[in-house]
Amino acid sequence: MVIGEKLWEGKGKSGASFIKSVGMEGVTSIYTWTAQMKGMGKAKGMDCNLNVTGKSMTPPKGIASSMDQGMMMSMMGDMGVLKGYSLMKMVPGKNPTSVGL
């Protein structure tokens, strides 16, 4: 496998989103999303459903951060877990720019 090789592609839906706390440091929220993923490359034929819950911190100005955790369930009944970390910069009048692992 090549580093950075695309293994899955899919479409997802955002689920529930809740504001956990509000303060001088910003807004902390909890969110969920799901996606149906289609395997490609080395993962061809390994289609799966992805369920993720995350927690984000959005300051009044600057860079927002989030931490995600979730599970992948294949159509064959196999399961895997994942953790993700993202940073996002919101600029007025433009789409947000983000990067994640």
C-alpha atoms as a PDB file:
ATOM      1  CA  MET A   1       0.000   0.000   0.000  1.00  0.00           C
ATOM      2  CA  VAL A   2       1.256   3.456  -0.912  1.00  0.00           C
ATOM      3  CA  ILE A   3       1.146   6.183   1.758  1.00  0.00           C
ATOM      4  CA  GLY A   4      -1.843   8.387   0.989  1.00  0.00           C
ATOM      5  CA  GLU A   5      -3.536   5.805  -1.258  1.00  0.00           C
ATOM      6  CA  LYS A   6      -7.325   6.310  -1.370  1.00  0.00           C
ATOM      7  CA  LEU A   7      -9.077   3.230   0.015  1.00  0.00           C
ATOM      8  CA  TRP A   8     -12.696   4.351   0.486  1.00  0.00           C
ATOM      9  CA  GLU A   9     -15.036   6.931  -0.941  1.00  0.00           C
ATOM     10  CA  GLY A  10     -18.583   7.650   0.121  1.00  0.00           C
ATOM     11  CA  LYS A  11     -21.382  10.006   0.959  1.00  0.00           C
ATOM     12  CA  GLY A  12     -22.437  10.847   4.465  1.00  0.00           C
ATOM     13  CA  LYS A  13     -25.092  12.603   6.479  1.00  0.00           C
ATOM     14  CA  SER A  14     -24.694  14.779   9.532  1.00  0.00           C
ATOM     15  CA  GLY A  15     -26.722  13.677  12.510  1.00  0.00           C
ATOM     16  CA  ALA A  16     -27.470  15.245  15.852  1.00  0.00           C
ATOM     17  CA  SER A  17     -25.372  18.172  17.063  1.00  0.00           C
ATOM     18  CA  PHE A  18     -25.401  19.495  20.623  1.00  0.00           C
ATOM     19  CA  ILE A  19     -23.704  22.468  22.247  1.00  0.00           C
ATOM     20  CA  LYS A  20     -21.956  21.174  25.348  1.00  0.00           C
ATOM     21  CA  SER A  21     -20.608  24.465  26.716  1.00  0.00           C
ATOM     22  CA  VAL A  22     -20.183  28.149  25.876  1.00  0.00           C
ATOM     23  CA  GLY A  23     -17.520  30.387  27.387  1.00  0.00           C
ATOM     24  CA  MET A  24     -14.859  33.006  26.764  1.00  0.00           C
ATOM     25  CA  GLU A  25     -12.660  30.357  25.132  1.00  0.00           C
ATOM     26  CA  GLY A  26     -15.363  29.465  22.577  1.00  0.00           C
ATOM     27  CA  VAL A  27     -18.095  26.921  21.911  1.00  0.00           C
ATOM     28  CA  THR A  28     -17.689  23.190  22.574  1.00  0.00           C
ATOM     29  CA  SER A  29     -20.097  20.949  20.676  1.00  0.00           C
ATOM     30  CA  ILE A  30     -20.732  17.246  20.147  1.00  0.00           C
ATOM     31  CA  TYR A  31     -21.867  15.913  16.755  1.00  0.00           C
ATOM     32  CA  THR A  32     -22.495  12.677  14.865  1.00  0.00           C
ATOM     33  CA  TRP A  33     -22.344  11.627  11.235  1.00  0.00           C
ATOM     34  CA  THR A  34     -22.741   8.453   9.214  1.00  0.00           C
ATOM     35  CA  ALA A  35     -21.537   7.438   5.751  1.00  0.00           C
ATOM     36  CA  GLN A  36     -21.838   4.551   3.331  1.00  0.00           C
ATOM     37  CA  MET A  37     -18.344   3.827   2.024  1.00  0.00           C
ATOM     38  CA  LYS A  38     -17.326   2.011  -1.186  1.00  0.00           C
ATOM     39  CA  GLY A  39     -13.916   0.318  -1.213  1.00  0.00           C
ATOM     40  CA  MET A  40     -11.411   1.072  -3.975  1.00  0.00           C
ATOM     41  CA  GLY A  41      -7.801   0.160  -4.741  1.00  0.00           C
ATOM     42  CA  LYS A  42      -6.539  -2.382  -2.187  1.00  0.00           C
ATOM     43  CA  ALA A  43      -9.924  -2.126  -0.366  1.00  0.00           C
ATOM     44  CA  LYS A  44     -11.997  -2.903  -3.494  1.00  0.00           C
ATOM     45  CA  GLY A  45     -15.055  -4.923  -2.523  1.00  0.00           C
ATOM     46  CA  MET A  46     -14.762  -3.935   1.150  1.00  0.00           C
ATOM     47  CA  ASP A  47     -17.851  -1.723   1.278  1.00  0.00           C
ATOM     48  CA  CYS A  48     -18.852  -0.581   4.763  1.00  0.00           C
ATOM     49  CA  ASN A  49     -20.935   1.742   6.920  1.00  0.00           C
ATOM     50  CA  LEU A  50     -19.148   4.346   9.032  1.00  0.00           C
ATOM     51  CA  ASN A  51     -20.585   5.824  12.267  1.00  0.00           C
ATOM     52  CA  VAL A  52     -18.695   8.676  13.957  1.00  0.00           C
ATOM     53  CA  THR A  53     -19.141  10.842  17.054  1.00  0.00           C
ATOM     54  CA  GLY A  54     -16.962  13.897  17.557  1.00  0.00           C
ATOM     55  CA  LYS A  55     -16.277  16.788  19.892  1.00  0.00           C
ATOM     56  CA  SER A  56     -15.223  20.184  18.552  1.00  0.00           C
ATOM     57  CA  MET A  57     -13.973  23.407  20.096  1.00  0.00           C
ATOM     58  CA  THR A  58     -14.605  26.590  18.098  1.00  0.00           C
ATOM     59  CA  PRO A  59     -12.947  29.753  19.471  1.00  0.00           C
ATOM     60  CA  PRO A  60     -14.360  33.223  18.693  1.00  0.00           C
ATOM     61  CA  LYS A  61     -11.461  33.783  16.252  1.00  0.00           C
ATOM     62  CA  GLY A  62      -8.746  31.448  15.081  1.00  0.00           C
ATOM     63  CA  ILE A  63      -8.527  27.746  14.438  1.00  0.00           C
ATOM     64  CA  ALA A  64     -11.191  25.242  15.518  1.00  0.00           C
ATOM     65  CA  SER A  65     -10.188  21.701  16.507  1.00  0.00           C
ATOM     66  CA  SER A  66     -12.089  18.436  16.723  1.00  0.00           C
ATOM     67  CA  MET A  67     -11.542  14.876  17.887  1.00  0.00           C
ATOM     68  CA  ASP A  68     -13.579  12.021  16.393  1.00  0.00           C
ATOM     69  CA  GLN A  69     -14.028   8.361  17.178  1.00  0.00           C
ATOM     70  CA  GLY A  70     -16.101   5.821  15.373  1.00  0.00           C
ATOM     71  CA  MET A  71     -16.547   2.386  13.927  1.00  0.00           C
ATOM     72  CA  MET A  72     -16.658   0.838  10.477  1.00  0.00           C
ATOM     73  CA  MET A  73     -18.900  -2.170   9.864  1.00  0.00           C
ATOM     74  CA  SER A  74     -18.347  -4.121   6.643  1.00  0.00           C
ATOM     75  CA  MET A  75     -21.102  -5.833   4.694  1.00  0.00           C
ATOM     76  CA  MET A  76     -19.431  -9.150   5.652  1.00  0.00           C
ATOM     77  CA  GLY A  77     -19.831  -8.393   9.388  1.00  0.00           C
ATOM     78  CA  ASP A  78     -16.233  -7.315  10.110  1.00  0.00           C
ATOM     79  CA  MET A  79     -15.710  -4.293  12.348  1.00  0.00           C
ATOM     80  CA  GLY A  80     -12.933  -1.730  12.776  1.00  0.00           C
ATOM     81  CA  VAL A  81     -12.521   1.332  14.954  1.00  0.00           C
ATOM     82  CA  LEU A  82     -11.006   4.725  14.195  1.00  0.00           C
ATOM     83  CA  LYS A  83      -9.901   7.957  15.820  1.00  0.00           C
ATOM     84  CA  GLY A  84      -9.485  11.248  14.012  1.00  0.00           C
ATOM     85  CA  TYR A  85      -8.150  14.712  14.704  1.00  0.00           C
ATOM     86  CA  SER A  86      -8.919  17.807  12.621  1.00  0.00           C
ATOM     87  CA  LEU A  87      -8.095  21.501  12.499  1.00  0.00           C
ATOM     88  CA  MET A  88     -10.266  24.039  10.660  1.00  0.00           C
ATOM     89  CA  LYS A  89      -9.905  27.735   9.907  1.00  0.00           C
ATOM     90  CA  MET A  90     -13.066  29.678   9.142  1.00  0.00           C
ATOM     91  CA  VAL A  91     -12.700  32.794   6.988  1.00  0.00           C
ATOM     92  CA  PRO A  92     -15.708  35.118   6.509  1.00  0.00           C
ATOM     93  CA  GLY A  93     -17.163  34.865   3.003  1.00  0.00           C
ATOM     94  CA  LYS A  94     -15.170  31.735   2.090  1.00  0.00           C
ATOM     95  CA  ASN A  95     -15.510  27.985   2.581  1.00  0.00           C
ATOM     96  CA  PRO A  96     -13.718  26.674   5.687  1.00  0.00           C
ATOM     97  CA  THR A  97     -10.254  25.167   5.164  1.00  0.00           C
ATOM     98  CA  SER A  98      -9.534  21.996   7.127  1.00  0.00           C
ATOM     99  CA  VAL A  99      -6.996  19.221   7.519  1.00  0.00           C
ATOM    100  CA  GLY A 100      -7.428  15.979   9.425  1.00  0.00           C
ATOM    101  CA  LEU A 101      -5.862  12.642  10.287  1.00  0.00           C
END
